[in-house]
Amino acid sequence: MPSLQISENELGWLFEKMLPGIKKRKFQNLILYMLFLIYFSIPSFQIPLLEYSHVRISSLMEQRALEHDLIFYPHQSWVNINKVNPNLLKAIISMEDDDLLKT
């Protein structure tokens, strides 16, 4: 089996030192890799739950509830976007776009 050629730099030197240990512990590294992969994919598992759940809580609402030791937990009633005054929607968009127009 030919040896892996790595250029002479810090990362190459570090990789050359780590490579024999990685080759010896393939199973442990595979398990570690799988745990790493599962840990970072957990948020994607919540997408279907968020899409179909009736209770929608924003991260800001959650943060405010934690700041008040969960004594005050905000309740809301959602309104269809068609029932919102169109002037309010235009005002929100103009507030957001105002910073873009100044630059």
PDB file of N, CA and C in Angstrom:
ATOM      1  N   MET A   1       0.849  -1.169   0.000  1.00  0.00           N
ATOM      2  CA  MET A   1       0.000   0.000   0.000  1.00  0.00           C
ATOM      3  C   MET A   1       0.897   1.235   0.000  1.00  0.00           C
ATOM      4  N   PRO A   2       0.731   2.136  -0.980  1.00  0.00           N
ATOM      5  CA  PRO A   2       1.605   3.307  -1.039  1.00  0.00           C
ATOM      6  C   PRO A   2       1.294   4.277   0.097  1.00  0.00           C
ATOM      7  N   SER A   3       2.337   4.943   0.521  1.00  0.00           N
ATOM      8  CA  SER A   3       2.200   5.913   1.597  1.00  0.00           C
ATOM      9  C   SER A   3       1.539   7.182   1.067  1.00  0.00           C
ATOM     10  N   LEU A   4       0.775   7.811   1.889  1.00  0.00           N
ATOM     11  CA  LEU A   4       0.078   9.035   1.527  1.00  0.00           C
ATOM     12  C   LEU A   4       1.068  10.191   1.552  1.00  0.00           C
ATOM     13  N   GLN A   5       1.192  10.911   0.442  1.00  0.00           N
ATOM     14  CA  GLN A   5       2.111  12.044   0.357  1.00  0.00           C
ATOM     15  C   GLN A   5       1.383  13.323   0.747  1.00  0.00           C
ATOM     16  N   ILE A   6       1.911  14.014   1.755  1.00  0.00           N
ATOM     17  CA  ILE A   6       1.308  15.252   2.242  1.00  0.00           C
ATOM     18  C   ILE A   6       2.371  16.331   2.218  1.00  0.00           C
ATOM     19  N   SER A   7       1.966  17.517   1.800  1.00  0.00           N
ATOM     20  CA  SER A   7       2.929  18.613   1.725  1.00  0.00           C
ATOM     21  C   SER A   7       3.422  18.982   3.122  1.00  0.00           C
ATOM     22  N   GLU A   8       4.581  19.611   3.138  1.00  0.00           N
ATOM     23  CA  GLU A   8       5.209  19.994   4.405  1.00  0.00           C
ATOM     24  C   GLU A   8       4.588  21.288   4.931  1.00  0.00           C
ATOM     25  N   ASN A   9       3.567  21.150   5.728  1.00  0.00           N
ATOM     26  CA  ASN A   9       3.003  22.271   6.466  1.00  0.00           C
ATOM     27  C   ASN A   9       2.472  21.746   7.789  1.00  0.00           C
ATOM     28  N   GLU A  10       1.925  22.619   8.595  1.00  0.00           N
ATOM     29  CA  GLU A  10       1.497  22.202   9.932  1.00  0.00           C
ATOM     30  C   GLU A  10       0.379  21.176   9.884  1.00  0.00           C
ATOM     31  N   LEU A  11      -0.605  21.397   9.015  1.00  0.00           N
ATOM     32  CA  LEU A  11      -1.716  20.462   8.951  1.00  0.00           C
ATOM     33  C   LEU A  11      -1.281  19.119   8.383  1.00  0.00           C
ATOM     34  N   GLY A  12      -0.408  19.150   7.383  1.00  0.00           N
ATOM     35  CA  GLY A  12       0.096  17.909   6.829  1.00  0.00           C
ATOM     36  C   GLY A  12       0.873  17.114   7.862  1.00  0.00           C
ATOM     37  N   TRP A  13       1.687  17.792   8.635  1.00  0.00           N
ATOM     38  CA  TRP A  13       2.473  17.123   9.675  1.00  0.00           C
ATOM     39  C   TRP A  13       1.555  16.528  10.730  1.00  0.00           C
ATOM     40  N   LEU A  14       0.527  17.297  11.120  1.00  0.00           N
ATOM     41  CA  LEU A  14      -0.413  16.812  12.123  1.00  0.00           C
ATOM     42  C   LEU A  14      -1.186  15.606  11.591  1.00  0.00           C
ATOM     43  N   PHE A  15      -1.619  15.686  10.350  1.00  0.00           N
ATOM     44  CA  PHE A  15      -2.362  14.578   9.755  1.00  0.00           C
ATOM     45  C   PHE A  15      -1.502  13.325   9.665  1.00  0.00           C
ATOM     46  N   GLU A  16      -0.239  13.463   9.303  1.00  0.00           N
ATOM     47  CA  GLU A  16       0.664  12.307   9.232  1.00  0.00           C
ATOM     48  C   GLU A  16       0.831  11.658  10.600  1.00  0.00           C
ATOM     49  N   LYS A  17       0.866  12.468  11.661  1.00  0.00           N
ATOM     50  CA  LYS A  17       0.993  11.912  13.011  1.00  0.00           C
ATOM     51  C   LYS A  17      -0.288  11.204  13.443  1.00  0.00           C
ATOM     52  N   MET A  18      -1.445  11.703  12.993  1.00  0.00           N
ATOM     53  CA  MET A  18      -2.723  11.131  13.417  1.00  0.00           C
ATOM     54  C   MET A  18      -3.152   9.938  12.570  1.00  0.00           C
ATOM     55  N   LEU A  19      -2.685   9.844  11.349  1.00  0.00           N
ATOM     56  CA  LEU A  19      -3.145   8.821  10.415  1.00  0.00           C
ATOM     57  C   LEU A  19      -2.967   7.386  10.931  1.00  0.00           C
ATOM     58  N   PRO A  20      -1.834   7.011  11.524  1.00  0.00           N
ATOM     59  CA  PRO A  20      -1.742   5.628  12.030  1.00  0.00           C
ATOM     60  C   PRO A  20      -2.779   5.313  13.105  1.00  0.00           C
ATOM     61  N   GLY A  21      -3.060   6.270  13.977  1.00  0.00           N
ATOM     62  CA  GLY A  21      -4.079   6.047  15.014  1.00  0.00           C
ATOM     63  C   GLY A  21      -5.469   5.935  14.424  1.00  0.00           C
ATOM     64  N   ILE A  22      -5.729   6.719  13.389  1.00  0.00           N
ATOM     65  CA  ILE A  22      -7.035   6.653  12.729  1.00  0.00           C
ATOM     66  C   ILE A  22      -7.214   5.302  12.050  1.00  0.00           C
ATOM     67  N   LYS A  23      -6.155   4.802  11.410  1.00  0.00           N
ATOM     68  CA  LYS A  23      -6.239   3.510  10.726  1.00  0.00           C
ATOM     69  C   LYS A  23      -6.418   2.364  11.715  1.00  0.00           C
ATOM     70  N   LYS A  24      -5.822   2.473  12.908  1.00  0.00           N
ATOM     71  CA  LYS A  24      -5.937   1.404  13.908  1.00  0.00           C
ATOM     72  C   LYS A  24      -7.345   1.326  14.488  1.00  0.00           C
ATOM     73  N   ARG A  25      -7.941   2.487  14.726  1.00  0.00           N
ATOM     74  CA  ARG A  25      -9.242   2.524  15.413  1.00  0.00           C
ATOM     75  C   ARG A  25     -10.356   2.899  14.437  1.00  0.00           C
ATOM     76  N   LYS A  26     -10.519   2.118  13.408  1.00  0.00           N
ATOM     77  CA  LYS A  26     -11.535   2.415  12.393  1.00  0.00           C
ATOM     78  C   LYS A  26     -12.944   2.349  12.970  1.00  0.00           C
ATOM     79  N   PHE A  27     -13.216   1.342  13.777  1.00  0.00           N
ATOM     80  CA  PHE A  27     -14.561   1.170  14.327  1.00  0.00           C
ATOM     81  C   PHE A  27     -14.916   2.326  15.266  1.00  0.00           C
ATOM     82  N   GLN A  28     -13.988   2.694  16.155  1.00  0.00           N
ATOM     83  CA  GLN A  28     -14.253   3.801  17.075  1.00  0.00           C
ATOM     84  C   GLN A  28     -14.449   5.107  16.315  1.00  0.00           C
ATOM     85  N   ASN A  29     -13.664   5.311  15.270  1.00  0.00           N
ATOM     86  CA  ASN A  29     -13.797   6.530  14.474  1.00  0.00           C
ATOM     87  C   ASN A  29     -15.114   6.547  13.705  1.00  0.00           C
ATOM     88  N   LEU A  30     -15.559   5.382  13.253  1.00  0.00           N
ATOM     89  CA  LEU A  30     -16.836   5.297  12.560  1.00  0.00           C
ATOM     90  C   LEU A  30     -17.980   5.647  13.518  1.00  0.00           C
ATOM     91  N   ILE A  31     -17.913   5.123  14.720  1.00  0.00           N
ATOM     92  CA  ILE A  31     -18.938   5.429  15.731  1.00  0.00           C
ATOM     93  C   ILE A  31     -18.915   6.919  16.054  1.00  0.00           C
ATOM     94  N   LEU A  32     -17.737   7.481  16.230  1.00  0.00           N
ATOM     95  CA  LEU A  32     -17.605   8.910  16.521  1.00  0.00           C
ATOM     96  C   LEU A  32     -18.157   9.748  15.376  1.00  0.00           C
ATOM     97  N   TYR A  33     -17.862   9.353  14.160  1.00  0.00           N
ATOM     98  CA  TYR A  33     -18.366  10.061  12.989  1.00  0.00           C
ATOM     99  C   TYR A  33     -19.889   9.996  12.926  1.00  0.00           C
ATOM    100  N   MET A  34     -20.463   8.824  13.191  1.00  0.00           N
ATOM    101  CA  MET A  34     -21.919   8.669  13.162  1.00  0.00           C
ATOM    102  C   MET A  34     -22.580   9.510  14.248  1.00  0.00           C
ATOM    103  N   LEU A  35     -22.012   9.544  15.448  1.00  0.00           N
ATOM    104  CA  LEU A  35     -22.559  10.383  16.516  1.00  0.00           C
ATOM    105  C   LEU A  35     -22.491  11.861  16.142  1.00  0.00           C
ATOM    106  N   PHE A  36     -21.396  12.259  15.543  1.00  0.00           N
ATOM    107  CA  PHE A  36     -21.227  13.630  15.083  1.00  0.00           C
ATOM    108  C   PHE A  36     -22.284  13.972  14.038  1.00  0.00           C
ATOM    109  N   LEU A  37     -22.504  13.071  13.107  1.00  0.00           N
ATOM    110  CA  LEU A  37     -23.482  13.271  12.048  1.00  0.00           C
ATOM    111  C   LEU A  37     -24.902  13.354  12.608  1.00  0.00           C
ATOM    112  N   ILE A  38     -25.236  12.463  13.511  1.00  0.00           N
ATOM    113  CA  ILE A  38     -26.575  12.469  14.111  1.00  0.00           C
ATOM    114  C   ILE A  38     -26.789  13.733  14.936  1.00  0.00           C
ATOM    115  N   TYR A  39     -25.786  14.132  15.699  1.00  0.00           N
ATOM    116  CA  TYR A  39     -25.918  15.326  16.539  1.00  0.00           C
ATOM    117  C   TYR A  39     -26.223  16.564  15.703  1.00  0.00           C
ATOM    118  N   PHE A  40     -25.549  16.721  14.577  1.00  0.00           N
ATOM    119  CA  PHE A  40     -25.761  17.910  13.766  1.00  0.00           C
ATOM    120  C   PHE A  40     -26.970  17.797  12.842  1.00  0.00           C
ATOM    121  N   SER A  41     -27.565  16.613  12.728  1.00  0.00           N
ATOM    122  CA  SER A  41     -28.769  16.489  11.915  1.00  0.00           C
ATOM    123  C   SER A  41     -30.037  16.513  12.756  1.00  0.00           C
ATOM    124  N   ILE A  42     -29.928  16.553  14.073  1.00  0.00           N
ATOM    125  CA  ILE A  42     -31.107  16.576  14.948  1.00  0.00           C
ATOM    126  C   ILE A  42     -32.051  17.732  14.619  1.00  0.00           C
ATOM    127  N   PRO A  43     -31.565  18.960  14.384  1.00  0.00           N
ATOM    128  CA  PRO A  43     -32.531  20.029  14.060  1.00  0.00           C
ATOM    129  C   PRO A  43     -33.367  19.727  12.822  1.00  0.00           C
ATOM    130  N   SER A  44     -32.834  19.008  11.870  1.00  0.00           N
ATOM    131  CA  SER A  44     -33.624  18.701  10.675  1.00  0.00           C
ATOM    132  C   SER A  44     -34.754  17.723  10.981  1.00  0.00           C
ATOM    133  N   PHE A  45     -34.643  16.942  12.060  1.00  0.00           N
ATOM    134  CA  PHE A  45     -35.714  16.032  12.434  1.00  0.00           C
ATOM    135  C   PHE A  45     -36.938  16.791  12.939  1.00  0.00           C
ATOM    136  N   GLN A  46     -36.754  18.027  13.395  1.00  0.00           N
ATOM    137  CA  GLN A  46     -37.857  18.805  13.958  1.00  0.00           C
ATOM    138  C   GLN A  46     -38.666  19.535  12.893  1.00  0.00           C
ATOM    139  N   ILE A  47     -38.200  19.573  11.668  1.00  0.00           N
ATOM    140  CA  ILE A  47     -38.902  20.322  10.621  1.00  0.00           C
ATOM    141  C   ILE A  47     -40.325  19.811  10.414  1.00  0.00           C
ATOM    142  N   PRO A  48     -40.576  18.517  10.282  1.00  0.00           N
ATOM    143  CA  PRO A  48     -41.975  18.082  10.131  1.00  0.00           C
ATOM    144  C   PRO A  48     -42.830  18.422  11.345  1.00  0.00           C
ATOM    145  N   LEU A  49     -42.259  18.351  12.536  1.00  0.00           N
ATOM    146  CA  LEU A  49     -43.023  18.704  13.732  1.00  0.00           C
ATOM    147  C   LEU A  49     -43.407  20.180  13.720  1.00  0.00           C
ATOM    148  N   LEU A  50     -42.487  21.027  13.338  1.00  0.00           N
ATOM    149  CA  LEU A  50     -42.775  22.455  13.295  1.00  0.00           C
ATOM    150  C   LEU A  50     -43.774  22.789  12.197  1.00  0.00           C
ATOM    151  N   GLU A  51     -43.718  22.044  11.121  1.00  0.00           N
ATOM    152  CA  GLU A  51     -44.596  22.338   9.997  1.00  0.00           C
ATOM    153  C   GLU A  51     -46.050  22.012  10.310  1.00  0.00           C
ATOM    154  N   TYR A  52     -46.307  20.962  11.057  1.00  0.00           N
ATOM    155  CA  TYR A  52     -47.681  20.519  11.281  1.00  0.00           C
ATOM    156  C   TYR A  52     -48.202  20.784  12.687  1.00  0.00           C
ATOM    157  N   SER A  53     -47.402  21.325  13.571  1.00  0.00           N
ATOM    158  CA  SER A  53     -47.892  21.581  14.921  1.00  0.00           C
ATOM    159  C   SER A  53     -48.737  22.853  14.930  1.00  0.00           C
ATOM    160  N   HIS A  54     -49.704  22.893  15.820  1.00  0.00           N
ATOM    161  CA  HIS A  54     -50.587  24.056  15.922  1.00  0.00           C
ATOM    162  C   HIS A  54     -50.025  25.111  16.849  1.00  0.00           C
ATOM    163  N   VAL A  55     -49.143  24.739  17.747  1.00  0.00           N
ATOM    164  CA  VAL A  55     -48.541  25.693  18.669  1.00  0.00           C
ATOM    165  C   VAL A  55     -47.242  26.182  18.044  1.00  0.00           C
ATOM    166  N   ARG A  56     -47.172  27.453  17.814  1.00  0.00           N
ATOM    167  CA  ARG A  56     -45.974  28.032  17.204  1.00  0.00           C
ATOM    168  C   ARG A  56     -45.399  29.049  18.173  1.00  0.00           C
ATOM    169  N   ILE A  57     -44.202  28.775  18.617  1.00  0.00           N
ATOM    170  CA  ILE A  57     -43.523  29.656  19.558  1.00  0.00           C
ATOM    171  C   ILE A  57     -42.204  30.055  18.933  1.00  0.00           C
ATOM    172  N   SER A  58     -41.964  31.332  18.853  1.00  0.00           N
ATOM    173  CA  SER A  58     -40.717  31.800  18.264  1.00  0.00           C
ATOM    174  C   SER A  58     -39.588  31.683  19.280  1.00  0.00           C
ATOM    175  N   SER A  59     -38.381  31.762  18.807  1.00  0.00           N
ATOM    176  CA  SER A  59     -37.234  31.668  19.713  1.00  0.00           C
ATOM    177  C   SER A  59     -37.182  32.877  20.644  1.00  0.00           C
ATOM    178  N   LEU A  60     -37.641  34.026  20.171  1.00  0.00           N
ATOM    179  CA  LEU A  60     -37.678  35.208  21.031  1.00  0.00           C
ATOM    180  C   LEU A  60     -38.680  35.021  22.163  1.00  0.00           C
ATOM    181  N   MET A  61     -39.834  34.440  21.857  1.00  0.00           N
ATOM    182  CA  MET A  61     -40.820  34.173  22.901  1.00  0.00           C
ATOM    183  C   MET A  61     -40.266  33.179  23.924  1.00  0.00           C
ATOM    184  N   GLU A  62     -39.549  32.200  23.440  1.00  0.00           N
ATOM    185  CA  GLU A  62     -38.949  31.207  24.335  1.00  0.00           C
ATOM    186  C   GLU A  62     -37.889  31.849  25.221  1.00  0.00           C
ATOM    187  N   GLN A  63     -37.091  32.734  24.646  1.00  0.00           N
ATOM    188  CA  GLN A  63     -36.058  33.429  25.410  1.00  0.00           C
ATOM    189  C   GLN A  63     -36.679  34.300  26.495  1.00  0.00           C
ATOM    190  N   ARG A  64     -37.741  35.021  26.158  1.00  0.00           N
ATOM    191  CA  ARG A  64     -38.410  35.877  27.150  1.00  0.00           C
ATOM    192  C   ARG A  64     -39.002  35.037  28.278  1.00  0.00           C
ATOM    193  N   ALA A  65     -39.558  33.882  27.936  1.00  0.00           N
ATOM    194  CA  ALA A  65     -40.119  33.011  28.965  1.00  0.00           C
ATOM    195  C   ALA A  65     -39.026  32.514  29.903  1.00  0.00           C
ATOM    196  N   LEU A  66     -37.865  32.159  29.357  1.00  0.00           N
ATOM    197  CA  LEU A  66     -36.754  31.698  30.199  1.00  0.00           C
ATOM    198  C   LEU A  66     -36.216  32.826  31.068  1.00  0.00           C
ATOM    199  N   GLU A  67     -36.216  34.059  30.542  1.00  0.00           N
ATOM    200  CA  GLU A  67     -35.755  35.198  31.342  1.00  0.00           C
ATOM    201  C   GLU A  67     -36.659  35.441  32.540  1.00  0.00           C
ATOM    202  N   HIS A  68     -37.943  35.106  32.400  1.00  0.00           N
ATOM    203  CA  HIS A  68     -38.893  35.298  33.494  1.00  0.00           C
ATOM    204  C   HIS A  68     -39.144  34.007  34.252  1.00  0.00           C
ATOM    205  N   ASP A  69     -38.205  33.085  34.194  1.00  0.00           N
ATOM    206  CA  ASP A  69     -38.266  31.797  34.904  1.00  0.00           C
ATOM    207  C   ASP A  69     -39.542  31.025  34.592  1.00  0.00           C
ATOM    208  N   LEU A  70     -39.994  31.127  33.361  1.00  0.00           N
ATOM    209  CA  LEU A  70     -41.175  30.427  32.853  1.00  0.00           C
ATOM    210  C   LEU A  70     -42.459  30.790  33.593  1.00  0.00           C
ATOM    211  N   ILE A  71     -42.434  31.889  34.372  1.00  0.00           N
ATOM    212  CA  ILE A  71     -43.657  32.356  35.031  1.00  0.00           C
ATOM    213  C   ILE A  71     -44.588  32.961  33.994  1.00  0.00           C
ATOM    214  N   PHE A  72     -44.022  33.773  33.132  1.00  0.00           N
ATOM    215  CA  PHE A  72     -44.797  34.379  32.056  1.00  0.00           C
ATOM    216  C   PHE A  72     -44.455  33.653  30.780  1.00  0.00           C
ATOM    217  N   TYR A  73     -45.403  32.903  30.280  1.00  0.00           N
ATOM    218  CA  TYR A  73     -45.194  32.233  29.008  1.00  0.00           C
ATOM    219  C   TYR A  73     -46.208  32.808  28.035  1.00  0.00           C
ATOM    220  N   PRO A  74     -45.744  33.419  26.985  1.00  0.00           N
ATOM    221  CA  PRO A  74     -46.664  34.146  26.109  1.00  0.00           C
ATOM    222  C   PRO A  74     -47.661  33.234  25.395  1.00  0.00           C
ATOM    223  N   HIS A  75     -48.854  33.723  25.322  1.00  0.00           N
ATOM    224  CA  HIS A  75     -49.897  33.042  24.564  1.00  0.00           C
ATOM    225  C   HIS A  75     -50.250  33.935  23.389  1.00  0.00           C
ATOM    226  N   GLN A  76     -50.582  33.336  22.292  1.00  0.00           N
ATOM    227  CA  GLN A  76     -50.931  34.130  21.131  1.00  0.00           C
ATOM    228  C   GLN A  76     -52.071  33.471  20.396  1.00  0.00           C
ATOM    229  N   SER A  77     -52.731  34.272  19.618  1.00  0.00           N
ATOM    230  CA  SER A  77     -53.743  33.728  18.714  1.00  0.00           C
ATOM    231  C   SER A  77     -53.324  34.131  17.317  1.00  0.00           C
ATOM    232  N   TRP A  78     -53.196  33.156  16.471  1.00  0.00           N
ATOM    233  CA  TRP A  78     -52.718  33.406  15.119  1.00  0.00           C
ATOM    234  C   TRP A  78     -53.867  33.838  14.238  1.00  0.00           C
ATOM    235  N   VAL A  79     -53.563  34.760  13.345  1.00  0.00           N
ATOM    236  CA  VAL A  79     -54.547  35.306  12.419  1.00  0.00           C
ATOM    237  C   VAL A  79     -54.079  34.996  11.004  1.00  0.00           C
ATOM    238  N   ASN A  80     -55.015  34.689  10.159  1.00  0.00           N
ATOM    239  CA  ASN A  80     -54.689  34.439   8.765  1.00  0.00           C
ATOM    240  C   ASN A  80     -54.118  35.715   8.149  1.00  0.00           C
ATOM    241  N   ILE A  81     -53.134  35.590   7.277  1.00  0.00           N
ATOM    242  CA  ILE A  81     -52.475  36.752   6.679  1.00  0.00           C
ATOM    243  C   ILE A  81     -53.451  37.600   5.868  1.00  0.00           C
ATOM    244  N   ASN A  82     -54.510  36.983   5.373  1.00  0.00           N
ATOM    245  CA  ASN A  82     -55.500  37.733   4.597  1.00  0.00           C
ATOM    246  C   ASN A  82     -56.317  38.680   5.468  1.00  0.00           C
ATOM    247  N   LYS A  83     -56.364  38.409   6.774  1.00  0.00           N
ATOM    248  CA  LYS A  83     -57.126  39.263   7.684  1.00  0.00           C
ATOM    249  C   LYS A  83     -56.306  40.426   8.231  1.00  0.00           C
ATOM    250  N   VAL A  84     -55.005  40.438   7.954  1.00  0.00           N
ATOM    251  CA  VAL A  84     -54.139  41.514   8.431  1.00  0.00           C
ATOM    252  C   VAL A  84     -54.287  42.705   7.487  1.00  0.00           C
ATOM    253  N   ASN A  85     -54.332  43.894   8.090  1.00  0.00           N
ATOM    254  CA  ASN A  85     -54.474  45.117   7.313  1.00  0.00           C
ATOM    255  C   ASN A  85     -53.297  45.246   6.339  1.00  0.00           C
ATOM    256  N   PRO A  86     -53.553  45.448   5.058  1.00  0.00           N
ATOM    257  CA  PRO A  86     -52.463  45.557   4.080  1.00  0.00           C
ATOM    258  C   PRO A  86     -51.519  46.722   4.379  1.00  0.00           C
ATOM    259  N   ASN A  87     -52.032  47.778   4.987  1.00  0.00           N
ATOM    260  CA  ASN A  87     -51.158  48.909   5.336  1.00  0.00           C
ATOM    261  C   ASN A  87     -50.126  48.510   6.389  1.00  0.00           C
ATOM    262  N   LEU A  88     -50.527  47.630   7.297  1.00  0.00           N
ATOM    263  CA  LEU A  88     -49.587  47.150   8.306  1.00  0.00           C
ATOM    264  C   LEU A  88     -48.466  46.345   7.648  1.00  0.00           C
ATOM    265  N   LEU A  89     -48.817  45.499   6.697  1.00  0.00           N
ATOM    266  CA  LEU A  89     -47.796  44.709   5.996  1.00  0.00           C
ATOM    267  C   LEU A  89     -46.844  45.610   5.230  1.00  0.00           C
ATOM    268  N   LYS A  90     -47.399  46.656   4.565  1.00  0.00           N
ATOM    269  CA  LYS A  90     -46.544  47.600   3.836  1.00  0.00           C
ATOM    270  C   LYS A  90     -45.639  48.360   4.795  1.00  0.00           C
ATOM    271  N   ALA A  91     -46.152  48.696   5.978  1.00  0.00           N
ATOM    272  CA  ALA A  91     -45.346  49.414   6.967  1.00  0.00           C
ATOM    273  C   ALA A  91     -44.192  48.553   7.460  1.00  0.00           C
ATOM    274  N   ILE A  92     -44.457  47.298   7.687  1.00  0.00           N
ATOM    275  CA  ILE A  92     -43.399  46.390   8.160  1.00  0.00           C
ATOM    276  C   ILE A  92     -42.332  46.243   7.088  1.00  0.00           C
ATOM    277  N   ILE A  93     -42.759  46.080   5.841  1.00  0.00           N
ATOM    278  CA  ILE A  93     -41.779  45.936   4.754  1.00  0.00           C
ATOM    279  C   ILE A  93     -40.974  47.213   4.592  1.00  0.00           C
ATOM    280  N   SER A  94     -41.634  48.367   4.698  1.00  0.00           N
ATOM    281  CA  SER A  94     -40.895  49.620   4.536  1.00  0.00           C
ATOM    282  C   SER A  94     -39.914  49.841   5.681  1.00  0.00           C
ATOM    283  N   MET A  95     -40.262  49.391   6.900  1.00  0.00           N
ATOM    284  CA  MET A  95     -39.316  49.506   8.021  1.00  0.00           C
ATOM    285  C   MET A  95     -38.096  48.625   7.778  1.00  0.00           C
ATOM    286  N   GLU A  96     -38.322  47.433   7.262  1.00  0.00           N
ATOM    287  CA  GLU A  96     -37.213  46.525   6.990  1.00  0.00           C
ATOM    288  C   GLU A  96     -36.346  47.033   5.843  1.00  0.00           C
ATOM    289  N   ASP A  97     -36.970  47.573   4.813  1.00  0.00           N
ATOM    290  CA  ASP A  97     -36.231  48.045   3.640  1.00  0.00           C
ATOM    291  C   ASP A  97     -35.600  49.406   3.849  1.00  0.00           C
ATOM    292  N   ASP A  98     -35.997  50.117   4.863  1.00  0.00           N
ATOM    293  CA  ASP A  98     -35.460  51.459   5.113  1.00  0.00           C
ATOM    294  C   ASP A  98     -33.960  51.420   5.312  1.00  0.00           C
ATOM    295  N   ASP A  99     -33.463  50.438   6.018  1.00  0.00           N
ATOM    296  CA  ASP A  99     -32.018  50.332   6.228  1.00  0.00           C
ATOM    297  C   ASP A  99     -31.294  50.044   4.915  1.00  0.00           C
ATOM    298  N   LEU A 100     -31.940  49.302   4.032  1.00  0.00           N
ATOM    299  CA  LEU A 100     -31.311  49.004   2.743  1.00  0.00           C
ATOM    300  C   LEU A 100     -31.232  50.236   1.869  1.00  0.00           C
ATOM    301  N   LEU A 101     -32.234  51.107   1.981  1.00  0.00           N
ATOM    302  CA  LEU A 101     -32.238  52.315   1.140  1.00  0.00           C
ATOM    303  C   LEU A 101     -31.204  53.334   1.590  1.00  0.00           C
ATOM    304  N   LYS A 102     -30.876  53.335   2.878  1.00  0.00           N
ATOM    305  CA  LYS A 102     -29.908  54.307   3.396  1.00  0.00           C
ATOM    306  C   LYS A 102     -28.490  53.973   2.975  1.00  0.00           C
ATOM    307  N   THR A 103     -28.198  52.724   2.727  1.00  0.00           N
ATOM    308  CA  THR A 103     -26.820  52.342   2.376  1.00  0.00           C
ATOM    309  C   THR A 103     -26.539  52.476   0.917  1.00  0.00           C
TER     310      THR A 103
END
